[in-house]
């Protein structure tokens, strides 16, 4: 298949999101099948967070040794296979175990794809990080739209995720087979490789920014369907529109964010988007009508869109450590929040109501606003030497 290097990464992001989105769109059905409450569902889903944390801490040298192509084969196809197994697990502990394995692969996937797209940016001489993450969001949008119709038609969860895995297996194998490893940035050739990825003091502001973005993303993706059902008793198709709108506006903003970053700088774009996220969270928290909540989910999707990719670019271009170590450390603090959001928000929803679960995201965004100074006022050059 004649695809450019960055386009192969786009497809990998897309396929990972399709796999994960298919499961997340069926969380109400998984909850019913396991016969557990929202807080117990959240604790079950935490298995993915634990696996991702371990992987993001320890997998950097493995990813560097295997290279982008081999790692993509294992992680893109492997995560989809693990997620397809979830509906067949008849008890919450078994789902936890499968998601733990999925998290191990997802952490390595996060390191691999982000480092590879940063190296491709250096070769191209222009930014494509936001667009790459845009295909992640596009994958969620497509699967949310399809899943709403699939749930409305009464298709069993097992068949839905099995067909999703078949699609990922075919498209992923064809795409990854032609992948070639991009060379590392020249400015990182002298750096120590390192083995354990832990955040440094200089990386902490970027970690807070990433945490805020992923918390909003987790709140929108993981709980929107359950929110619409629990608060407004919406039928499956309308309930799925929250996730659909969230992922659509997130994808749209990411796909077209790079020119705005080039013109106004990472700092200004991140500031605007974090404020937009806050407006969306408040709308969902206070929504008197389903339409207001849907607008809130759209604002949340657009608001958290490019924030994490901007933090990833800044981390990858730091010269204190190799790119894959800094990206892993950033992902360790922020990507795991994407998995931790279900149990944390589920606990709040069970104790104080699901509306309040969206309110608790706002203090984290305020902390991120204090750290936007760590982003560049203007996008840095993509020189490779």
Protein backbone atom coordinates (compact mmCIF):
# COMPACT_ATOMS: atom_id res chain seq x y z
CA UNK A 1 0.00 0.00 0.00
CA UNK A 2 1.43 3.38 -1.06
CA UNK A 3 1.23 5.43 2.13
CA UNK A 4 3.54 8.13 3.47
CA UNK A 5 5.28 7.36 6.80
CA UNK A 6 3.10 9.78 8.74
CA UNK A 7 -0.03 8.30 7.16
CA UNK A 8 0.86 4.85 8.49
CA UNK A 9 1.08 6.34 11.98
CA UNK A 10 -2.27 8.04 11.41
CA UNK A 11 -3.82 4.65 10.64
CA UNK A 12 -2.29 3.09 13.78
CA UNK A 13 -3.76 5.84 15.96
CA UNK A 14 -7.10 5.39 14.21
CA UNK A 15 -7.19 1.62 14.71
CA UNK A 16 -6.26 1.82 18.38
CA UNK A 17 -9.08 4.30 18.97
CA UNK A 18 -11.56 2.16 17.01
CA UNK A 19 -10.79 -0.84 19.23
CA UNK A 20 -10.97 1.08 22.48
CA UNK A 21 -13.99 3.12 21.43
CA UNK A 22 -15.96 0.01 20.56
CA UNK A 23 -15.58 -1.30 24.10
CA UNK A 24 -16.18 2.06 25.80
CA UNK A 25 -19.38 2.58 23.82
CA UNK A 26 -20.63 -0.74 25.27
CA UNK A 27 -19.84 0.08 28.91
CA UNK A 28 -23.55 0.23 29.86
CA UNK A 29 -23.97 -3.27 28.39
CA UNK A 30 -20.79 -4.52 30.10
CA UNK A 31 -22.06 -3.15 33.41
CA UNK A 32 -25.36 -4.97 32.95
CA UNK A 33 -23.66 -8.21 31.89
CA UNK A 34 -21.36 -8.21 34.92
CA UNK A 35 -24.22 -7.09 37.23
CA UNK A 36 -22.09 -4.49 39.02
CA UNK A 37 -22.65 -0.85 39.99
CA UNK A 38 -20.80 2.17 38.59
CA UNK A 39 -18.06 2.21 41.22
CA UNK A 40 -17.43 -1.53 40.76
CA UNK A 41 -17.28 -1.02 37.00
CA UNK A 42 -14.71 1.71 37.53
CA UNK A 43 -12.58 -0.56 39.72
CA UNK A 44 -12.76 -3.26 37.06
CA UNK A 45 -11.58 -0.87 34.38
CA UNK A 46 -8.61 0.21 36.50
CA UNK A 47 -6.77 -2.92 35.33
CA UNK A 48 -5.88 -1.09 32.12
CA UNK A 49 -4.47 1.82 34.13
CA UNK A 50 -2.21 -0.44 36.17
CA UNK A 51 -0.91 -2.21 33.08
CA UNK A 52 -0.28 1.08 31.29
CA UNK A 53 1.57 2.53 34.29
CA UNK A 54 3.92 -0.45 34.43
CA UNK A 55 4.50 -0.34 30.68
CA UNK A 56 5.09 3.41 30.52
CA UNK A 57 7.62 3.11 33.35
CA UNK A 58 9.60 0.16 32.03
CA UNK A 59 8.90 -0.35 28.32
CA UNK A 60 10.98 2.49 26.81
CA UNK A 61 14.15 0.42 26.19
CA UNK A 62 12.07 -2.43 24.76
CA UNK A 63 10.33 -0.05 22.34
CA UNK A 64 13.67 1.46 21.34
CA UNK A 65 15.19 -1.97 20.73
CA UNK A 66 12.27 -3.39 18.73
CA UNK A 67 11.76 -0.28 16.60
CA UNK A 68 8.53 1.32 15.42
CA UNK A 69 7.41 -1.41 13.00
CA UNK A 70 7.73 -4.44 15.27
CA UNK A 71 6.29 -2.56 18.24
CA UNK A 72 3.33 -1.41 16.16
CA UNK A 73 2.55 -4.98 15.08
CA UNK A 74 2.50 -6.23 18.67
CA UNK A 75 0.71 -3.28 20.27
CA UNK A 76 -1.88 -2.21 17.68
CA UNK A 77 -3.07 -5.73 16.93
CA UNK A 78 -2.55 -6.96 20.50
CA UNK A 79 -4.63 -4.25 22.19
CA UNK A 80 -7.49 -4.91 19.78
CA UNK A 81 -7.35 -8.64 20.52
CA UNK A 82 -7.42 -8.05 24.28
CA UNK A 83 -10.38 -5.68 24.04
CA UNK A 84 -12.29 -8.17 21.88
CA UNK A 85 -11.91 -10.75 24.66
CA UNK A 86 -13.55 -8.56 27.32
CA UNK A 87 -17.22 -9.37 26.46
CA UNK A 88 -16.47 -13.09 26.79
CA UNK A 89 -15.26 -12.73 30.38
CA UNK A 90 -18.11 -13.65 32.69
CA UNK A 91 -16.82 -12.00 35.86
CA UNK A 92 -15.31 -8.65 36.82
CA UNK A 93 -11.95 -10.10 37.99
CA UNK A 94 -11.44 -11.75 34.59
CA UNK A 95 -12.22 -8.47 32.81
CA UNK A 96 -9.70 -6.77 35.12
CA UNK A 97 -7.01 -9.30 34.14
CA UNK A 98 -7.62 -8.93 30.41
CA UNK A 99 -7.60 -5.13 30.66
CA UNK A 100 -4.34 -5.30 32.63
CA UNK A 101 -2.73 -7.08 29.67
CA UNK A 102 -4.29 -4.56 27.29
CA UNK A 103 -2.82 -1.74 29.38
CA UNK A 104 0.68 -3.21 29.13
CA UNK A 105 0.40 -3.11 25.33
CA UNK A 106 -1.30 0.30 25.27
CA UNK A 107 1.52 1.94 27.23
CA UNK A 108 4.12 0.68 24.76
CA UNK A 109 1.89 1.75 21.87
CA UNK A 110 1.69 5.27 23.34
CA UNK A 111 5.47 5.58 23.55
CA UNK A 112 6.07 4.12 20.11
CA UNK A 113 3.61 6.13 18.04
CA UNK A 114 4.35 9.49 19.67
CA UNK A 115 8.13 9.15 19.36
CA UNK A 116 7.81 7.97 15.76
CA UNK A 117 5.55 10.86 14.72
CA UNK A 118 7.95 13.33 16.37
CA UNK A 119 10.83 11.90 14.32
CA UNK A 120 8.72 12.10 11.17
CA UNK A 121 7.98 15.74 11.99
CA UNK A 122 11.72 16.38 12.07
CA UNK A 123 12.10 14.79 8.63
CA UNK A 124 9.14 16.68 7.13
CA UNK A 125 10.07 20.05 8.60
CA UNK A 126 6.46 20.72 9.67
CA UNK A 127 4.11 19.74 12.44
CA UNK A 128 1.88 16.65 12.13
CA UNK A 129 1.57 15.68 15.81
CA UNK A 130 -1.90 17.19 16.25
CA UNK A 131 -3.10 15.60 13.02
CA UNK A 132 -1.82 12.21 14.15
CA UNK A 133 -3.78 12.54 17.38
CA UNK A 134 -6.66 13.78 15.28
CA UNK A 135 -6.89 10.34 13.72
CA UNK A 136 -7.08 8.87 17.22
CA UNK A 137 -10.08 11.12 17.82
CA UNK A 138 -11.47 10.37 14.38
CA UNK A 139 -11.35 6.68 15.25
CA UNK A 140 -13.38 7.33 18.39
CA UNK A 141 -15.88 9.40 16.42
CA UNK A 142 -16.37 6.74 13.77
CA UNK A 143 -16.76 3.94 16.28
CA UNK A 144 -19.10 6.06 18.45
CA UNK A 145 -21.32 6.74 15.45
CA UNK A 146 -21.32 3.10 14.37
CA UNK A 147 -21.75 1.84 17.93
CA UNK A 148 -24.83 3.99 18.55
CA UNK A 149 -26.54 2.34 15.58
CA UNK A 150 -25.21 -1.10 16.53
CA UNK A 151 -26.55 -0.82 20.09
CA UNK A 152 -29.88 0.49 18.82
CA UNK A 153 -30.12 -2.55 16.52
CA UNK A 154 -29.50 -4.88 19.45
CA UNK A 155 -26.29 -6.43 18.11
CA UNK A 156 -24.62 -8.46 20.90
CA UNK A 157 -21.51 -6.94 22.45
CA UNK A 158 -19.46 -10.09 21.67
CA UNK A 159 -20.20 -9.90 17.93
CA UNK A 160 -19.65 -6.15 17.82
CA UNK A 161 -16.14 -6.34 19.28
CA UNK A 162 -15.24 -9.46 17.28
CA UNK A 163 -16.06 -7.66 14.02
CA UNK A 164 -14.08 -4.64 15.20
CA UNK A 165 -11.03 -6.85 15.84
CA UNK A 166 -11.35 -8.44 12.39
CA UNK A 167 -11.33 -4.98 10.81
CA UNK A 168 -8.28 -3.88 12.83
CA UNK A 169 -6.42 -7.10 12.05
CA UNK A 170 -6.84 -6.75 8.29
CA UNK A 171 -6.21 -3.00 7.97
CA UNK A 172 -3.47 -3.00 10.61
CA UNK A 173 -1.48 -5.84 9.05
CA UNK A 174 -1.53 -4.22 5.61
CA UNK A 175 -0.57 -0.79 6.97
CA UNK A 176 2.15 -1.79 9.41
CA UNK A 177 3.81 -4.21 6.98
CA UNK A 178 5.08 -1.25 4.93
CA UNK A 179 6.28 0.80 7.89
CA UNK A 180 9.93 1.89 8.08
CA UNK A 181 11.63 3.13 11.23
CA UNK A 182 12.35 6.88 11.14
CA UNK A 183 15.81 8.02 12.33
CA UNK A 184 16.11 9.66 15.75
CA UNK A 185 16.52 13.43 15.98
CA UNK A 186 20.21 14.33 15.74
CA UNK A 187 20.00 16.45 18.91
CA UNK A 188 19.20 13.31 20.91
CA UNK A 189 22.00 11.08 19.64
CA UNK A 190 24.31 11.94 22.54
CA UNK A 191 21.77 11.44 25.30
CA UNK A 192 21.76 8.57 27.80
CA UNK A 193 19.24 5.93 26.83
CA UNK A 194 17.93 5.29 30.35
CA UNK A 195 15.78 2.36 31.39
CA UNK A 196 13.10 3.61 33.79
CA UNK A 197 11.01 6.57 32.65
CA UNK A 198 10.21 8.88 35.57
CA UNK A 199 9.16 12.55 35.36
CA UNK A 200 11.83 15.17 35.97
CA UNK A 201 11.21 18.54 37.59
CA UNK A 202 11.30 20.26 34.22
CA UNK A 203 8.73 17.84 32.84
CA UNK A 204 6.18 18.28 35.65
CA UNK A 205 4.29 21.27 34.16
CA UNK A 206 3.82 19.30 30.94
CA UNK A 207 2.60 16.34 32.99
CA UNK A 208 -0.07 18.49 34.67
CA UNK A 209 -1.21 19.76 31.28
CA UNK A 210 -1.42 16.20 29.96
CA UNK A 211 -3.30 15.03 33.05
CA UNK A 212 -5.93 17.76 32.60
CA UNK A 213 -6.44 16.90 28.94
CA UNK A 214 -6.78 13.18 29.56
CA UNK A 215 -9.10 13.65 32.53
CA UNK A 216 -11.49 15.65 30.35
CA UNK A 217 -11.09 13.08 27.56
CA UNK A 218 -11.79 10.22 29.95
CA UNK A 219 -14.82 12.01 31.39
CA UNK A 220 -16.25 12.55 27.93
CA UNK A 221 -15.48 9.18 26.40
CA UNK A 222 -15.97 6.83 29.35
CA UNK A 223 -19.06 8.24 31.01
CA UNK A 224 -21.04 10.24 28.44
CA UNK A 225 -23.32 7.32 27.50
CA UNK A 226 -23.98 6.43 31.13
CA UNK A 227 -24.51 10.13 31.96
CA UNK A 228 -27.14 10.53 29.23
CA UNK A 229 -28.92 7.35 30.31
CA UNK A 230 -28.78 8.09 34.04
CA UNK A 231 -29.63 11.81 33.98
CA UNK A 232 -32.04 12.09 31.05
CA UNK A 233 -33.10 8.43 30.52
CA UNK A 234 -32.11 8.82 26.88
CA UNK A 235 -32.62 5.95 24.45
CA UNK A 236 -29.42 4.29 23.19
CA UNK A 237 -29.08 6.35 20.00
CA UNK A 238 -29.54 9.73 21.75
CA UNK A 239 -27.39 8.55 24.63
CA UNK A 240 -24.59 7.74 22.21
CA UNK A 241 -24.71 11.22 20.68
CA UNK A 242 -22.78 12.61 23.63
CA UNK A 243 -19.82 10.41 22.76
CA UNK A 244 -20.34 11.06 19.04
CA UNK A 245 -20.26 14.86 19.42
CA UNK A 246 -17.35 14.73 21.84
CA UNK A 247 -15.21 12.67 19.50
CA UNK A 248 -16.28 14.55 16.36
CA UNK A 249 -15.28 17.98 17.67
CA UNK A 250 -12.14 16.57 19.24
CA UNK A 251 -11.12 15.06 15.90
CA UNK A 252 -12.07 18.20 13.96
CA UNK A 253 -10.04 20.47 16.23
CA UNK A 254 -6.99 18.21 16.15
CA UNK A 255 -7.03 17.74 12.39
CA UNK A 256 -6.95 21.52 11.84
CA UNK A 257 -5.02 22.72 14.91
CA UNK A 258 -1.48 22.76 13.49
CA UNK A 259 -1.85 25.99 11.45
CA UNK A 260 -3.21 27.79 14.52
CA UNK A 261 -0.29 26.51 16.60
CA UNK A 262 2.14 27.70 13.92
CA UNK A 263 0.52 31.15 13.90
CA UNK A 264 -0.32 31.77 17.57
CA UNK A 265 1.98 29.39 19.42
CA UNK A 266 1.41 26.39 21.66
CA UNK A 267 0.85 28.50 24.77
CA UNK A 268 -2.02 30.58 23.41
CA UNK A 269 -3.75 27.61 21.79
CA UNK A 270 -3.53 25.52 24.98
CA UNK A 271 -4.88 28.41 27.07
CA UNK A 272 -7.92 28.84 24.81
CA UNK A 273 -8.64 25.13 24.67
CA UNK A 274 -8.41 24.61 28.44
CA UNK A 275 -10.89 27.45 28.98
CA UNK A 276 -13.21 25.89 26.39
CA UNK A 277 -13.00 22.58 28.28
CA UNK A 278 -14.05 24.36 31.46
CA UNK A 279 -17.09 25.83 29.74
CA UNK A 280 -18.07 22.39 28.46
CA UNK A 281 -17.71 20.76 31.87
CA UNK A 282 -19.90 23.44 33.45
CA UNK A 283 -22.56 22.93 30.77
CA UNK A 284 -22.68 19.17 31.43
CA UNK A 285 -22.69 19.69 35.19
CA UNK A 286 -25.64 22.13 35.11
CA UNK A 287 -27.51 20.90 31.98
CA UNK A 288 -31.31 21.20 32.41
CA UNK A 289 -31.97 19.53 29.04
CA UNK A 290 -30.22 16.84 26.95
CA UNK A 291 -29.37 19.37 24.21
CA UNK A 292 -27.41 21.51 26.67
CA UNK A 293 -25.46 18.47 27.80
CA UNK A 294 -24.71 17.55 24.19
CA UNK A 295 -23.34 21.06 23.55
CA UNK A 296 -21.22 20.65 26.67
CA UNK A 297 -19.77 17.37 25.41
CA UNK A 298 -18.95 19.08 22.09
CA UNK A 299 -17.10 21.88 23.93
CA UNK A 300 -15.24 19.33 26.05
CA UNK A 301 -14.14 17.43 22.95
CA UNK A 302 -12.84 20.52 21.18
CA UNK A 303 -11.33 21.86 24.39
CA UNK A 304 -9.15 18.87 25.23
CA UNK A 305 -8.27 18.20 21.59
CA UNK A 306 -4.77 19.55 20.97
CA UNK A 307 -3.66 20.05 24.58
CA UNK A 308 -2.00 16.65 25.03
CA UNK A 309 -0.34 16.59 21.58
CA UNK A 310 1.20 20.00 22.36
CA UNK A 311 2.59 18.62 25.62
CA UNK A 312 3.93 15.53 23.79
CA UNK A 313 5.73 17.68 21.22
CA UNK A 314 7.32 19.76 23.97
CA UNK A 315 8.41 16.61 25.85
CA UNK A 316 9.81 14.88 22.76
CA UNK A 317 11.89 17.94 21.84
CA UNK A 318 13.53 18.27 25.26
CA UNK A 319 17.23 17.43 25.03
CA UNK A 320 17.89 16.31 28.61
CA UNK A 321 16.92 12.70 27.83
CA UNK A 322 16.03 10.61 24.77
CA UNK A 323 12.64 11.37 23.26
CA UNK A 324 11.16 7.97 24.06
CA UNK A 325 12.03 8.37 27.77
CA UNK A 326 10.49 11.84 28.11
CA UNK A 327 7.40 10.81 26.14
CA UNK A 328 7.04 7.73 28.33
CA UNK A 329 7.37 9.79 31.50
CA UNK A 330 4.77 12.25 30.29
CA UNK A 331 2.48 9.41 29.28
CA UNK A 332 3.03 7.76 32.67
CA UNK A 333 1.51 10.78 34.43
CA UNK A 334 -1.17 11.67 31.91
CA UNK A 335 -2.11 8.69 29.73
CA UNK A 336 -2.78 6.62 32.85
CA UNK A 337 -5.30 9.28 33.96
CA UNK A 338 -7.28 8.35 30.85
CA UNK A 339 -7.63 4.89 32.37
CA UNK A 340 -7.98 6.14 35.95
CA UNK A 341 -10.84 8.46 35.01
CA UNK A 342 -13.42 5.63 34.96
CA UNK A 343 -12.85 4.46 38.55
CA UNK A 344 -12.33 7.96 39.94
CA UNK A 345 -15.36 9.44 38.24
CA UNK A 346 -17.35 6.28 38.86
CA UNK A 347 -16.71 6.57 42.60
CA UNK A 348 -17.77 10.22 42.59
CA UNK A 349 -20.84 9.40 40.49
CA UNK A 350 -21.87 6.63 42.89
CA UNK A 351 -21.42 8.82 45.97
CA UNK A 352 -22.47 12.29 44.81
CA UNK A 353 -24.21 11.83 41.44
CA UNK A 354 -22.84 11.68 37.95
CA UNK A 355 -23.27 15.44 37.39
CA UNK A 356 -20.80 16.13 40.19
CA UNK A 357 -18.29 13.79 38.58
CA UNK A 358 -17.84 16.35 35.80
CA UNK A 359 -17.45 19.21 38.26
CA UNK A 360 -14.39 17.64 39.92
CA UNK A 361 -12.40 17.91 36.67
CA UNK A 362 -12.32 21.73 36.85
CA UNK A 363 -9.64 22.12 39.60
CA UNK A 364 -7.25 19.99 37.54
CA UNK A 365 -7.78 22.27 34.54
CA UNK A 366 -7.03 25.31 36.71
CA UNK A 367 -3.74 23.69 37.71
CA UNK A 368 -2.95 23.08 34.03
CA UNK A 369 -3.65 26.73 33.22
CA UNK A 370 -0.90 27.65 35.67
CA UNK A 371 1.55 25.46 33.75
CA UNK A 372 0.95 26.63 30.17
CA UNK A 373 4.05 28.81 30.41
CA UNK A 374 6.08 25.64 29.89
CA UNK A 375 4.81 25.53 26.30
CA UNK A 376 6.45 27.64 23.62
CA UNK A 377 5.01 31.01 22.64
CA UNK A 378 5.71 30.02 19.03
CA UNK A 379 6.22 26.53 17.60
CA UNK A 380 9.88 25.61 17.60
CA UNK A 381 11.68 24.85 14.39
CA UNK A 382 11.80 21.28 13.17
CA UNK A 383 15.46 21.27 12.32
CA UNK A 384 17.10 17.89 12.62
CA UNK A 385 20.55 19.12 13.44
